[in-house]
Amino acid sequence: MTDPDPSFAPPIGTPMDLGDGLRRLLAPNPSAMTFRGTNTYLLGRRGIAVIDPGPEDTRHLDAILAALRPGQSISHIVVTHAHLDHSPLSRRLSQITGAPVLAFGNALAGRSAIMQDLAATGLVGGGEGVDAAFAPDVTLPDGAVIEGDGWQLDVVHTPGHSGNHIALGWGDALFCGDLVMGWATSLVSPPDGDLSDFMASCRRLQTGHWRQFHPGHGAPIDAPQQRLSWLIDHRLSREAAILAELKQAPADAATLARRIYTETPAALIPAATRNVLAHLVDLTTNSVATPLGALSADAVFGLVRR
């Protein structure tokens, strides 16, 4: 598989100075889903906000603590969403530092009604997996403001990759979690991910005047509006391909993924199948397609006859 961004290769466990009191620390969890690993951000000059502490890994915990300079302490631990590559280390880091964990809610918070119905069929999240045990000390509604020692974060609820996903505005920069990445499209895996929400969140971010995005994986995004437009157009092109296939005959998500993702490595076809399922659920919500039977991950879908 071709490296999507060979220029982004920071050393694991070494804090990289991004300017204005922001540093990035790469977790030791590279994979097909996480690219080089999870980006943990340390914001502040004295009282430090740790954004996305990352997976349960003692090496990364030690690296975060070692990154603290004389006179610095961790005052806030902020989690963009409850996936296993972003949130689990928050518990131990909070126990050691006494800093509260802040997030939109637990792993099920923000999940839409149709995704709750899918979950009831036994479907569980794919990709890096859900941190089912996650529970923040402080919940952050949309529009909340987190004030720290010389910094402020504005909370934007951005469901789509997960129901409890938030982005964090920092002036004209945004910590965008896994909603937007430069090296790949975001995985939308029902019932945790919801394509209807994903598209709405991308369009909401388009209304902002952002200079730069700091994603959960990969390099900073210096042209965020262009990237948002590309992501939306990409999803619309996938939708068009799915509709073209369904015009030929009803099909399930796995069949459609094999037909549409013809250049995707076999190891990533299960993730592609989740993305197709997300499109099919979105088309069902919009009364364009419908499952021929009960809604489930294995359902065969057909077009709604007009």
C-alpha atoms as a PDB file:
ATOM      1  CA  MET A   1       0.000   0.000   0.000  1.00  0.00           C
ATOM      2  CA  THR A   2       1.348   3.439  -0.959  1.00  0.00           C
ATOM      3  CA  ASP A   3       2.281   5.700   1.942  1.00  0.00           C
ATOM      4  CA  PRO A   4      -0.364   8.475   1.877  1.00  0.00           C
ATOM      5  CA  ASP A   5       1.941  11.087   3.447  1.00  0.00           C
ATOM      6  CA  PRO A   6       5.631  10.144   3.649  1.00  0.00           C
ATOM      7  CA  SER A   7       6.504  13.684   4.780  1.00  0.00           C
ATOM      8  CA  PHE A   8       4.713  13.133   8.095  1.00  0.00           C
ATOM      9  CA  ALA A   9       6.980  10.880  10.151  1.00  0.00           C
ATOM     10  CA  PRO A  10       7.499  12.388  13.617  1.00  0.00           C
ATOM     11  CA  PRO A  11       9.381  10.347  16.212  1.00  0.00           C
ATOM     12  CA  ILE A  12       7.145   8.413  18.581  1.00  0.00           C
ATOM     13  CA  GLY A  13       7.113   9.744  22.136  1.00  0.00           C
ATOM     14  CA  THR A  14       9.010  12.968  21.401  1.00  0.00           C
ATOM     15  CA  PRO A  15       7.052  16.221  21.837  1.00  0.00           C
ATOM     16  CA  MET A  16       7.056  18.376  18.715  1.00  0.00           C
ATOM     17  CA  ASP A  17       6.660  22.134  19.199  1.00  0.00           C
ATOM     18  CA  LEU A  18       3.901  23.532  16.951  1.00  0.00           C
ATOM     19  CA  GLY A  19       4.120  27.093  18.290  1.00  0.00           C
ATOM     20  CA  ASP A  20       1.970  29.298  20.567  1.00  0.00           C
ATOM     21  CA  GLY A  21       2.256  26.902  23.483  1.00  0.00           C
ATOM     22  CA  LEU A  22       1.095  23.827  21.529  1.00  0.00           C
ATOM     23  CA  ARG A  23       3.000  20.560  21.318  1.00  0.00           C
ATOM     24  CA  ARG A  24       2.128  17.250  19.655  1.00  0.00           C
ATOM     25  CA  LEU A  25       3.110  13.831  20.987  1.00  0.00           C
ATOM     26  CA  LEU A  26       2.719  10.741  18.801  1.00  0.00           C
ATOM     27  CA  ALA A  27       1.443   7.575  20.485  1.00  0.00           C
ATOM     28  CA  PRO A  28       3.060   4.204  19.694  1.00  0.00           C
ATOM     29  CA  ASN A  29      -0.024   2.725  17.993  1.00  0.00           C
ATOM     30  CA  PRO A  30       0.489   2.873  14.211  1.00  0.00           C
ATOM     31  CA  SER A  31      -1.963   0.850  12.118  1.00  0.00           C
ATOM     32  CA  ALA A  32      -3.987   0.957   8.930  1.00  0.00           C
ATOM     33  CA  MET A  33      -6.660   2.876  10.852  1.00  0.00           C
ATOM     34  CA  THR A  34      -4.429   5.189  12.918  1.00  0.00           C
ATOM     35  CA  PHE A  35      -1.685   5.941  10.338  1.00  0.00           C
ATOM     36  CA  ARG A  36       1.526   6.800  12.289  1.00  0.00           C
ATOM     37  CA  GLY A  37      -0.403   6.695  15.583  1.00  0.00           C
ATOM     38  CA  THR A  38      -2.684   8.902  17.651  1.00  0.00           C
ATOM     39  CA  ASN A  39      -1.779  12.577  17.990  1.00  0.00           C
ATOM     40  CA  THR A  40      -1.890  13.696  21.626  1.00  0.00           C
ATOM     41  CA  TYR A  41      -1.789  17.472  22.020  1.00  0.00           C
ATOM     42  CA  LEU A  42      -0.380  19.405  24.977  1.00  0.00           C
ATOM     43  CA  LEU A  43      -1.726  22.949  25.078  1.00  0.00           C
ATOM     44  CA  GLY A  44      -0.496  25.659  27.450  1.00  0.00           C
ATOM     45  CA  ARG A  45       2.629  27.041  29.043  1.00  0.00           C
ATOM     46  CA  ARG A  46       1.899  26.341  32.739  1.00  0.00           C
ATOM     47  CA  GLY A  47      -1.493  24.703  33.214  1.00  0.00           C
ATOM     48  CA  ILE A  48      -1.586  22.115  30.431  1.00  0.00           C
ATOM     49  CA  ALA A  49      -4.602  20.690  28.611  1.00  0.00           C
ATOM     50  CA  VAL A  50      -3.965  17.196  27.278  1.00  0.00           C
ATOM     51  CA  ILE A  51      -6.178  16.617  24.246  1.00  0.00           C
ATOM     52  CA  ASP A  52      -6.753  12.943  23.357  1.00  0.00           C
ATOM     53  CA  PRO A  53      -4.373  11.151  25.751  1.00  0.00           C
ATOM     54  CA  GLY A  54      -4.563   8.073  23.542  1.00  0.00           C
ATOM     55  CA  PRO A  55      -4.563   4.304  24.026  1.00  0.00           C
ATOM     56  CA  GLU A  56      -3.921   2.461  27.269  1.00  0.00           C
ATOM     57  CA  ASP A  57      -0.145   2.253  26.910  1.00  0.00           C
ATOM     58  CA  THR A  58       2.374   2.837  29.696  1.00  0.00           C
ATOM     59  CA  ARG A  59       4.994   4.025  27.212  1.00  0.00           C
ATOM     60  CA  HIS A  60       2.734   6.828  26.072  1.00  0.00           C
ATOM     61  CA  LEU A  61       1.717   7.693  29.623  1.00  0.00           C
ATOM     62  CA  ASP A  62       5.399   8.034  30.535  1.00  0.00           C
ATOM     63  CA  ALA A  63       6.021  10.183  27.448  1.00  0.00           C
ATOM     64  CA  ILE A  64       3.186  12.575  28.353  1.00  0.00           C
ATOM     65  CA  LEU A  65       4.444  12.992  31.908  1.00  0.00           C
ATOM     66  CA  ALA A  66       8.039  13.368  30.741  1.00  0.00           C
ATOM     67  CA  ALA A  67       6.965  16.158  28.374  1.00  0.00           C
ATOM     68  CA  LEU A  68       5.992  18.382  31.310  1.00  0.00           C
ATOM     69  CA  ARG A  69       8.541  21.116  31.830  1.00  0.00           C
ATOM     70  CA  PRO A  70       9.493  22.658  35.192  1.00  0.00           C
ATOM     71  CA  GLY A  71       6.515  24.602  36.563  1.00  0.00           C
ATOM     72  CA  GLN A  72       4.014  22.847  34.315  1.00  0.00           C
ATOM     73  CA  SER A  73       1.146  20.623  35.446  1.00  0.00           C
ATOM     74  CA  ILE A  74      -1.820  19.009  33.712  1.00  0.00           C
ATOM     75  CA  SER A  75      -5.043  20.860  34.544  1.00  0.00           C
ATOM     76  CA  HIS A  76      -7.469  19.377  31.983  1.00  0.00           C
ATOM     77  CA  ILE A  77      -7.762  16.131  30.032  1.00  0.00           C
ATOM     78  CA  VAL A  78     -10.048  16.575  27.024  1.00  0.00           C
ATOM     79  CA  VAL A  79     -11.229  13.666  24.881  1.00  0.00           C
ATOM     80  CA  THR A  80     -12.656  14.247  21.394  1.00  0.00           C
ATOM     81  CA  HIS A  81     -14.388  10.844  21.288  1.00  0.00           C
ATOM     82  CA  ALA A  82     -14.492   7.503  23.076  1.00  0.00           C
ATOM     83  CA  HIS A  83     -12.519   5.231  20.765  1.00  0.00           C
ATOM     84  CA  LEU A  84      -9.798   2.906  22.013  1.00  0.00           C
ATOM     85  CA  ASP A  85      -7.047   4.892  20.297  1.00  0.00           C
ATOM     86  CA  HIS A  86      -8.078   8.205  21.896  1.00  0.00           C
ATOM     87  CA  SER A  87      -9.646   7.890  25.341  1.00  0.00           C
ATOM     88  CA  PRO A  88      -8.513   4.927  27.525  1.00  0.00           C
ATOM     89  CA  LEU A  89      -5.316   6.527  28.871  1.00  0.00           C
ATOM     90  CA  SER A  90      -7.422   9.374  30.286  1.00  0.00           C
ATOM     91  CA  ARG A  91      -8.283   7.253  33.322  1.00  0.00           C
ATOM     92  CA  ARG A  92      -4.725   6.605  34.489  1.00  0.00           C
ATOM     93  CA  LEU A  93      -3.568  10.083  33.555  1.00  0.00           C
ATOM     94  CA  SER A  94      -6.377  11.566  35.644  1.00  0.00           C
ATOM     95  CA  GLN A  95      -5.558   9.323  38.612  1.00  0.00           C
ATOM     96  CA  ILE A  96      -1.907  10.389  38.534  1.00  0.00           C
ATOM     97  CA  THR A  97      -2.407  14.111  37.947  1.00  0.00           C
ATOM     98  CA  GLY A  98      -5.800  14.777  39.565  1.00  0.00           C
ATOM     99  CA  ALA A  99      -6.939  16.557  36.393  1.00  0.00           C
ATOM    100  CA  PRO A 100     -10.584  15.981  35.397  1.00  0.00           C
ATOM    101  CA  VAL A 101     -11.550  14.230  32.177  1.00  0.00           C
ATOM    102  CA  LEU A 102     -13.823  16.288  29.924  1.00  0.00           C
ATOM    103  CA  ALA A 103     -15.843  14.987  26.962  1.00  0.00           C
ATOM    104  CA  PHE A 104     -19.273  15.177  25.349  1.00  0.00           C
ATOM    105  CA  GLY A 105     -20.364  12.035  27.165  1.00  0.00           C
ATOM    106  CA  ASN A 106     -19.851   8.301  27.394  1.00  0.00           C
ATOM    107  CA  ALA A 107     -19.369   5.983  24.442  1.00  0.00           C
ATOM    108  CA  LEU A 108     -23.096   5.943  23.592  1.00  0.00           C
ATOM    109  CA  ALA A 109     -23.776   9.669  23.958  1.00  0.00           C
ATOM    110  CA  GLY A 110     -25.045  11.440  20.863  1.00  0.00           C
ATOM    111  CA  ARG A 111     -26.029   8.257  19.005  1.00  0.00           C
ATOM    112  CA  SER A 112     -29.010   8.786  16.686  1.00  0.00           C
ATOM    113  CA  ALA A 113     -32.226   6.798  17.012  1.00  0.00           C
ATOM    114  CA  ILE A 114     -31.621   4.743  13.873  1.00  0.00           C
ATOM    115  CA  MET A 115     -28.133   3.838  15.098  1.00  0.00           C
ATOM    116  CA  GLN A 116     -29.586   2.806  18.451  1.00  0.00           C
ATOM    117  CA  ASP A 117     -31.898   0.475  16.514  1.00  0.00           C
ATOM    118  CA  LEU A 118     -28.921  -0.972  14.625  1.00  0.00           C
ATOM    119  CA  ALA A 119     -27.018  -1.487  17.874  1.00  0.00           C
ATOM    120  CA  ALA A 120     -30.012  -3.376  19.256  1.00  0.00           C
ATOM    121  CA  THR A 121     -29.535  -5.951  16.467  1.00  0.00           C
ATOM    122  CA  GLY A 122     -26.093  -6.752  17.887  1.00  0.00           C
ATOM    123  CA  LEU A 123     -24.000  -4.667  15.498  1.00  0.00           C
ATOM    124  CA  VAL A 124     -20.925  -3.243  17.186  1.00  0.00           C
ATOM    125  CA  GLY A 125     -18.446  -0.606  16.044  1.00  0.00           C
ATOM    126  CA  GLY A 126     -15.553  -1.424  13.763  1.00  0.00           C
ATOM    127  CA  GLY A 127     -12.206   0.235  13.203  1.00  0.00           C
ATOM    128  CA  GLU A 128     -10.224   0.971  16.347  1.00  0.00           C
ATOM    129  CA  GLY A 129     -13.160  -0.016  18.553  1.00  0.00           C
ATOM    130  CA  VAL A 130     -15.303   1.719  21.134  1.00  0.00           C
ATOM    131  CA  ASP A 131     -14.049   2.468  24.643  1.00  0.00           C
ATOM    132  CA  ALA A 132     -17.213   1.128  26.271  1.00  0.00           C
ATOM    133  CA  ALA A 133     -15.932   1.870  29.794  1.00  0.00           C
ATOM    134  CA  PHE A 134     -15.299   5.550  29.102  1.00  0.00           C
ATOM    135  CA  ALA A 135     -17.105   8.035  31.368  1.00  0.00           C
ATOM    136  CA  PRO A 136     -15.937  11.654  31.676  1.00  0.00           C
ATOM    137  CA  ASP A 137     -15.840  13.572  34.934  1.00  0.00           C
ATOM    138  CA  VAL A 138     -17.299  16.637  33.184  1.00  0.00           C
ATOM    139  CA  THR A 139     -19.667  16.549  30.199  1.00  0.00           C
ATOM    140  CA  LEU A 140     -19.293  19.192  27.507  1.00  0.00           C
ATOM    141  CA  PRO A 141     -22.398  20.272  25.597  1.00  0.00           C
ATOM    142  CA  ASP A 142     -22.181  21.931  22.222  1.00  0.00           C
ATOM    143  CA  GLY A 143     -21.110  25.535  22.698  1.00  0.00           C
ATOM    144  CA  ALA A 144     -19.330  24.962  26.018  1.00  0.00           C
ATOM    145  CA  VAL A 145     -16.156  26.923  26.714  1.00  0.00           C
ATOM    146  CA  ILE A 146     -13.155  25.386  28.484  1.00  0.00           C
ATOM    147  CA  GLU A 147     -10.955  28.033  30.072  1.00  0.00           C
ATOM    148  CA  GLY A 148      -7.434  27.283  31.179  1.00  0.00           C
ATOM    149  CA  ASP A 149      -4.212  29.040  32.082  1.00  0.00           C
ATOM    150  CA  GLY A 150      -3.744  31.325  29.077  1.00  0.00           C
ATOM    151  CA  TRP A 151      -5.846  29.283  26.650  1.00  0.00           C
ATOM    152  CA  GLN A 152      -9.505  28.742  25.748  1.00  0.00           C
ATOM    153  CA  LEU A 153     -11.213  25.927  23.860  1.00  0.00           C
ATOM    154  CA  ASP A 154     -14.656  26.257  22.285  1.00  0.00           C
ATOM    155  CA  VAL A 155     -16.590  22.985  22.076  1.00  0.00           C
ATOM    156  CA  VAL A 156     -18.292  22.083  18.803  1.00  0.00           C
ATOM    157  CA  HIS A 157     -20.332  18.868  18.790  1.00  0.00           C
ATOM    158  CA  THR A 158     -19.356  17.153  15.533  1.00  0.00           C
ATOM    159  CA  PRO A 159     -20.986  13.703  15.434  1.00  0.00           C
ATOM    160  CA  GLY A 160     -20.406  11.465  12.452  1.00  0.00           C
ATOM    161  CA  HIS A 161     -17.273   9.450  13.140  1.00  0.00           C
ATOM    162  CA  SER A 162     -18.915   8.782  16.512  1.00  0.00           C
ATOM    163  CA  GLY A 163     -21.972  10.173  18.243  1.00  0.00           C
ATOM    164  CA  ASN A 164     -19.982  11.723  21.094  1.00  0.00           C
ATOM    165  CA  HIS A 165     -17.374  13.340  18.848  1.00  0.00           C
ATOM    166  CA  ILE A 166     -16.405  16.953  19.527  1.00  0.00           C
ATOM    167  CA  ALA A 167     -14.037  19.407  17.899  1.00  0.00           C
ATOM    168  CA  LEU A 168     -12.275  22.110  19.859  1.00  0.00           C
ATOM    169  CA  GLY A 169     -11.858  25.621  18.532  1.00  0.00           C
ATOM    170  CA  TRP A 170      -8.660  27.381  19.597  1.00  0.00           C
ATOM    171  CA  GLY A 171      -8.801  30.812  18.057  1.00  0.00           C
ATOM    172  CA  ASP A 172      -8.789  30.241  14.302  1.00  0.00           C
ATOM    173  CA  ALA A 173      -7.398  26.703  14.687  1.00  0.00           C
ATOM    174  CA  LEU A 174      -9.445  23.588  15.388  1.00  0.00           C
ATOM    175  CA  PHE A 175      -8.629  20.277  17.022  1.00  0.00           C
ATOM    176  CA  CYS A 176     -10.825  18.177  14.759  1.00  0.00           C
ATOM    177  CA  GLY A 177     -10.302  14.687  16.196  1.00  0.00           C
ATOM    178  CA  ASP A 178     -11.115  12.010  13.643  1.00  0.00           C
ATOM    179  CA  LEU A 179     -13.806  13.921  11.758  1.00  0.00           C
ATOM    180  CA  VAL A 180     -11.285  15.384   9.297  1.00  0.00           C
ATOM    181  CA  MET A 181      -7.867  13.999   8.385  1.00  0.00           C
ATOM    182  CA  GLY A 182      -5.530  14.840   5.557  1.00  0.00           C
ATOM    183  CA  TRP A 183      -4.037  11.405   4.940  1.00  0.00           C
ATOM    184  CA  ALA A 184      -7.344   9.515   4.590  1.00  0.00           C
ATOM    185  CA  THR A 185     -11.096   9.850   4.781  1.00  0.00           C
ATOM    186  CA  SER A 186     -12.678   9.375   8.184  1.00  0.00           C
ATOM    187  CA  LEU A 187     -14.145   5.951   8.896  1.00  0.00           C
ATOM    188  CA  VAL A 188     -17.905   6.093   9.436  1.00  0.00           C
ATOM    189  CA  SER A 189     -18.804   2.738  10.955  1.00  0.00           C
ATOM    190  CA  PRO A 190     -22.394   2.167  12.154  1.00  0.00           C
ATOM    191  CA  PRO A 191     -23.760   2.090  14.764  1.00  0.00           C
ATOM    192  CA  ASP A 192     -21.049   4.319  16.246  1.00  0.00           C
ATOM    193  CA  GLY A 193     -20.608   6.326  13.075  1.00  0.00           C
ATOM    194  CA  ASP A 194     -23.482   8.047  11.293  1.00  0.00           C
ATOM    195  CA  LEU A 195     -23.081   9.410   7.772  1.00  0.00           C
ATOM    196  CA  SER A 196     -26.031  11.802   8.047  1.00  0.00           C
ATOM    197  CA  ASP A 197     -24.352  13.343  11.090  1.00  0.00           C
ATOM    198  CA  PHE A 198     -20.927  13.270   9.405  1.00  0.00           C
ATOM    199  CA  MET A 199     -22.109  15.295   6.428  1.00  0.00           C
ATOM    200  CA  ALA A 200     -23.921  17.771   8.671  1.00  0.00           C
ATOM    201  CA  SER A 201     -20.816  18.199  10.849  1.00  0.00           C
ATOM    202  CA  CYS A 202     -18.572  18.814   7.821  1.00  0.00           C
ATOM    203  CA  ARG A 203     -21.000  21.383   6.465  1.00  0.00           C
ATOM    204  CA  ARG A 204     -21.195  23.065   9.858  1.00  0.00           C
ATOM    205  CA  LEU A 205     -17.420  23.393   9.999  1.00  0.00           C
ATOM    206  CA  GLN A 206     -17.503  24.930   6.523  1.00  0.00           C
ATOM    207  CA  THR A 207     -19.258  27.951   8.041  1.00  0.00           C
ATOM    208  CA  GLY A 208     -16.232  28.705  10.240  1.00  0.00           C
ATOM    209  CA  HIS A 209     -13.211  30.801   9.333  1.00  0.00           C
ATOM    210  CA  TRP A 210     -10.530  28.258  10.143  1.00  0.00           C
ATOM    211  CA  ARG A 211      -6.863  28.718   9.393  1.00  0.00           C
ATOM    212  CA  GLN A 212      -5.690  25.234  10.372  1.00  0.00           C
ATOM    213  CA  PHE A 213      -6.996  21.888  11.619  1.00  0.00           C
ATOM    214  CA  HIS A 214      -5.073  19.677  14.055  1.00  0.00           C
ATOM    215  CA  PRO A 215      -6.355  16.127  13.424  1.00  0.00           C
ATOM    216  CA  GLY A 216      -6.307  13.032  15.601  1.00  0.00           C
ATOM    217  CA  HIS A 217      -3.991  11.318  13.118  1.00  0.00           C
ATOM    218  CA  GLY A 218      -1.570  12.723  10.571  1.00  0.00           C
ATOM    219  CA  ALA A 219      -0.203  16.150   9.754  1.00  0.00           C
ATOM    220  CA  PRO A 220      -1.881  19.521  10.336  1.00  0.00           C
ATOM    221  CA  ILE A 221      -4.366  20.515   7.638  1.00  0.00           C
ATOM    222  CA  ASP A 222      -3.409  23.954   6.319  1.00  0.00           C
ATOM    223  CA  ALA A 223      -6.313  24.311   3.850  1.00  0.00           C
ATOM    224  CA  PRO A 224      -9.248  23.111   5.969  1.00  0.00           C
ATOM    225  CA  GLN A 225     -12.014  24.507   3.742  1.00  0.00           C
ATOM    226  CA  GLN A 226     -10.617  22.717   0.712  1.00  0.00           C
ATOM    227  CA  ARG A 227     -10.354  19.500   2.667  1.00  0.00           C
ATOM    228  CA  LEU A 228     -13.938  19.761   3.929  1.00  0.00           C
ATOM    229  CA  SER A 229     -15.185  20.355   0.380  1.00  0.00           C
ATOM    230  CA  TRP A 230     -13.202  17.360  -0.855  1.00  0.00           C
ATOM    231  CA  LEU A 231     -14.591  15.112   1.892  1.00  0.00           C
ATOM    232  CA  ILE A 232     -18.166  16.113   1.124  1.00  0.00           C
ATOM    233  CA  ASP A 233     -17.670  15.641  -2.625  1.00  0.00           C
ATOM    234  CA  HIS A 234     -15.988  12.284  -2.013  1.00  0.00           C
ATOM    235  CA  ARG A 235     -18.947  11.048   0.011  1.00  0.00           C
ATOM    236  CA  LEU A 236     -21.382  12.272  -2.634  1.00  0.00           C
ATOM    237  CA  SER A 237     -19.416  10.391  -5.297  1.00  0.00           C
ATOM    238  CA  ARG A 238     -19.592   7.211  -3.192  1.00  0.00           C
ATOM    239  CA  GLU A 239     -23.332   7.735  -2.824  1.00  0.00           C
ATOM    240  CA  ALA A 240     -23.681   8.089  -6.595  1.00  0.00           C
ATOM    241  CA  ALA A 241     -21.743   4.840  -7.127  1.00  0.00           C
ATOM    242  CA  ILE A 242     -23.969   3.004  -4.627  1.00  0.00           C
ATOM    243  CA  LEU A 243     -27.123   4.328  -6.277  1.00  0.00           C
ATOM    244  CA  ALA A 244     -25.840   3.251  -9.692  1.00  0.00           C
ATOM    245  CA  GLU A 245     -25.317  -0.287  -8.395  1.00  0.00           C
ATOM    246  CA  LEU A 246     -28.722  -0.402  -6.710  1.00  0.00           C
ATOM    247  CA  LYS A 247     -30.371   0.645  -9.980  1.00  0.00           C
ATOM    248  CA  GLN A 248     -29.048  -2.616 -11.415  1.00  0.00           C
ATOM    249  CA  ALA A 249     -30.235  -4.814  -8.556  1.00  0.00           C
ATOM    250  CA  PRO A 250     -30.682  -4.843  -4.767  1.00  0.00           C
ATOM    251  CA  ALA A 251     -27.531  -5.706  -2.836  1.00  0.00           C
ATOM    252  CA  ASP A 252     -26.040  -5.788   0.644  1.00  0.00           C
ATOM    253  CA  ALA A 253     -23.207  -3.617   1.924  1.00  0.00           C
ATOM    254  CA  ALA A 254     -20.510  -6.262   1.493  1.00  0.00           C
ATOM    255  CA  THR A 255     -21.419  -6.893  -2.142  1.00  0.00           C
ATOM    256  CA  LEU A 256     -21.511  -3.185  -2.909  1.00  0.00           C
ATOM    257  CA  ALA A 257     -18.135  -2.605  -1.222  1.00  0.00           C
ATOM    258  CA  ARG A 258     -16.472  -5.284  -3.361  1.00  0.00           C
ATOM    259  CA  ARG A 259     -17.926  -3.760  -6.518  1.00  0.00           C
ATOM    260  CA  ILE A 260     -17.153  -0.118  -5.699  1.00  0.00           C
ATOM    261  CA  TYR A 261     -13.862  -0.227  -3.742  1.00  0.00           C
ATOM    262  CA  THR A 262     -12.001  -2.010  -6.528  1.00  0.00           C
ATOM    263  CA  GLU A 263      -8.611  -0.467  -5.703  1.00  0.00           C
ATOM    264  CA  THR A 264      -8.828  -0.967  -1.936  1.00  0.00           C
ATOM    265  CA  PRO A 265      -6.540  -3.610  -0.356  1.00  0.00           C
ATOM    266  CA  ALA A 266      -8.397  -6.721   0.755  1.00  0.00           C
ATOM    267  CA  ALA A 267      -7.506  -6.061   4.403  1.00  0.00           C
ATOM    268  CA  LEU A 268      -9.455  -2.781   4.287  1.00  0.00           C
ATOM    269  CA  ILE A 269     -12.594  -4.117   2.594  1.00  0.00           C
ATOM    270  CA  PRO A 270     -14.319  -4.727   5.973  1.00  0.00           C
ATOM    271  CA  ALA A 271     -13.862  -1.023   6.782  1.00  0.00           C
ATOM    272  CA  ALA A 272     -15.111  -0.127   3.299  1.00  0.00           C
ATOM    273  CA  THR A 273     -18.158  -2.315   3.920  1.00  0.00           C
ATOM    274  CA  ARG A 274     -18.907  -0.300   7.065  1.00  0.00           C
ATOM    275  CA  ASN A 275     -18.671   2.895   5.061  1.00  0.00           C
ATOM    276  CA  VAL A 276     -21.104   1.516   2.479  1.00  0.00           C
ATOM    277  CA  LEU A 277     -23.483   0.473   5.252  1.00  0.00           C
ATOM    278  CA  ALA A 278     -23.313   4.031   6.598  1.00  0.00           C
ATOM    279  CA  HIS A 279     -24.354   5.303   3.152  1.00  0.00           C
ATOM    280  CA  LEU A 280     -27.202   2.789   2.963  1.00  0.00           C
ATOM    281  CA  VAL A 281     -28.520   3.857   6.362  1.00  0.00           C
ATOM    282  CA  ASP A 282     -28.269   7.507   5.295  1.00  0.00           C
ATOM    283  CA  LEU A 283     -30.170   6.729   2.076  1.00  0.00           C
ATOM    284  CA  THR A 284     -32.777   4.913   4.169  1.00  0.00           C
ATOM    285  CA  THR A 285     -33.126   7.945   6.451  1.00  0.00           C
ATOM    286  CA  ASN A 286     -33.665  10.098   3.358  1.00  0.00           C
ATOM    287  CA  SER A 287     -36.214   7.634   1.870  1.00  0.00           C
ATOM    288  CA  VAL A 288     -34.038   6.956  -1.183  1.00  0.00           C
ATOM    289  CA  ALA A 289     -33.223   3.318  -0.357  1.00  0.00           C
ATOM    290  CA  THR A 290     -34.778   0.776   1.972  1.00  0.00           C
ATOM    291  CA  PRO A 291     -33.788  -2.557   3.498  1.00  0.00           C
ATOM    292  CA  LEU A 292     -35.732  -5.489   2.047  1.00  0.00           C
ATOM    293  CA  GLY A 293     -36.572  -6.781   5.502  1.00  0.00           C
ATOM    294  CA  ALA A 294     -35.306  -5.774   8.924  1.00  0.00           C
ATOM    295  CA  LEU A 295     -32.533  -3.186   9.101  1.00  0.00           C
ATOM    296  CA  SER A 296     -29.244  -4.916   9.911  1.00  0.00           C
ATOM    297  CA  ALA A 297     -25.619  -4.991   8.799  1.00  0.00           C
ATOM    298  CA  ASP A 298     -26.383  -7.907   6.440  1.00  0.00           C
ATOM    299  CA  ALA A 299     -29.620  -6.509   5.020  1.00  0.00           C
ATOM    300  CA  VAL A 300     -30.160  -6.336   1.277  1.00  0.00           C
ATOM    301  CA  PHE A 301     -31.137  -2.831   0.196  1.00  0.00           C
ATOM    302  CA  GLY A 302     -33.127  -1.671  -2.784  1.00  0.00           C
ATOM    303  CA  LEU A 303     -34.168   1.695  -4.152  1.00  0.00           C
ATOM    304  CA  VAL A 304     -37.438   3.231  -3.059  1.00  0.00           C
ATOM    305  CA  ARG A 305     -39.854   3.170  -5.975  1.00  0.00           C
ATOM    306  CA  ARG A 306     -41.221   6.621  -6.822  1.00  0.00           C
END
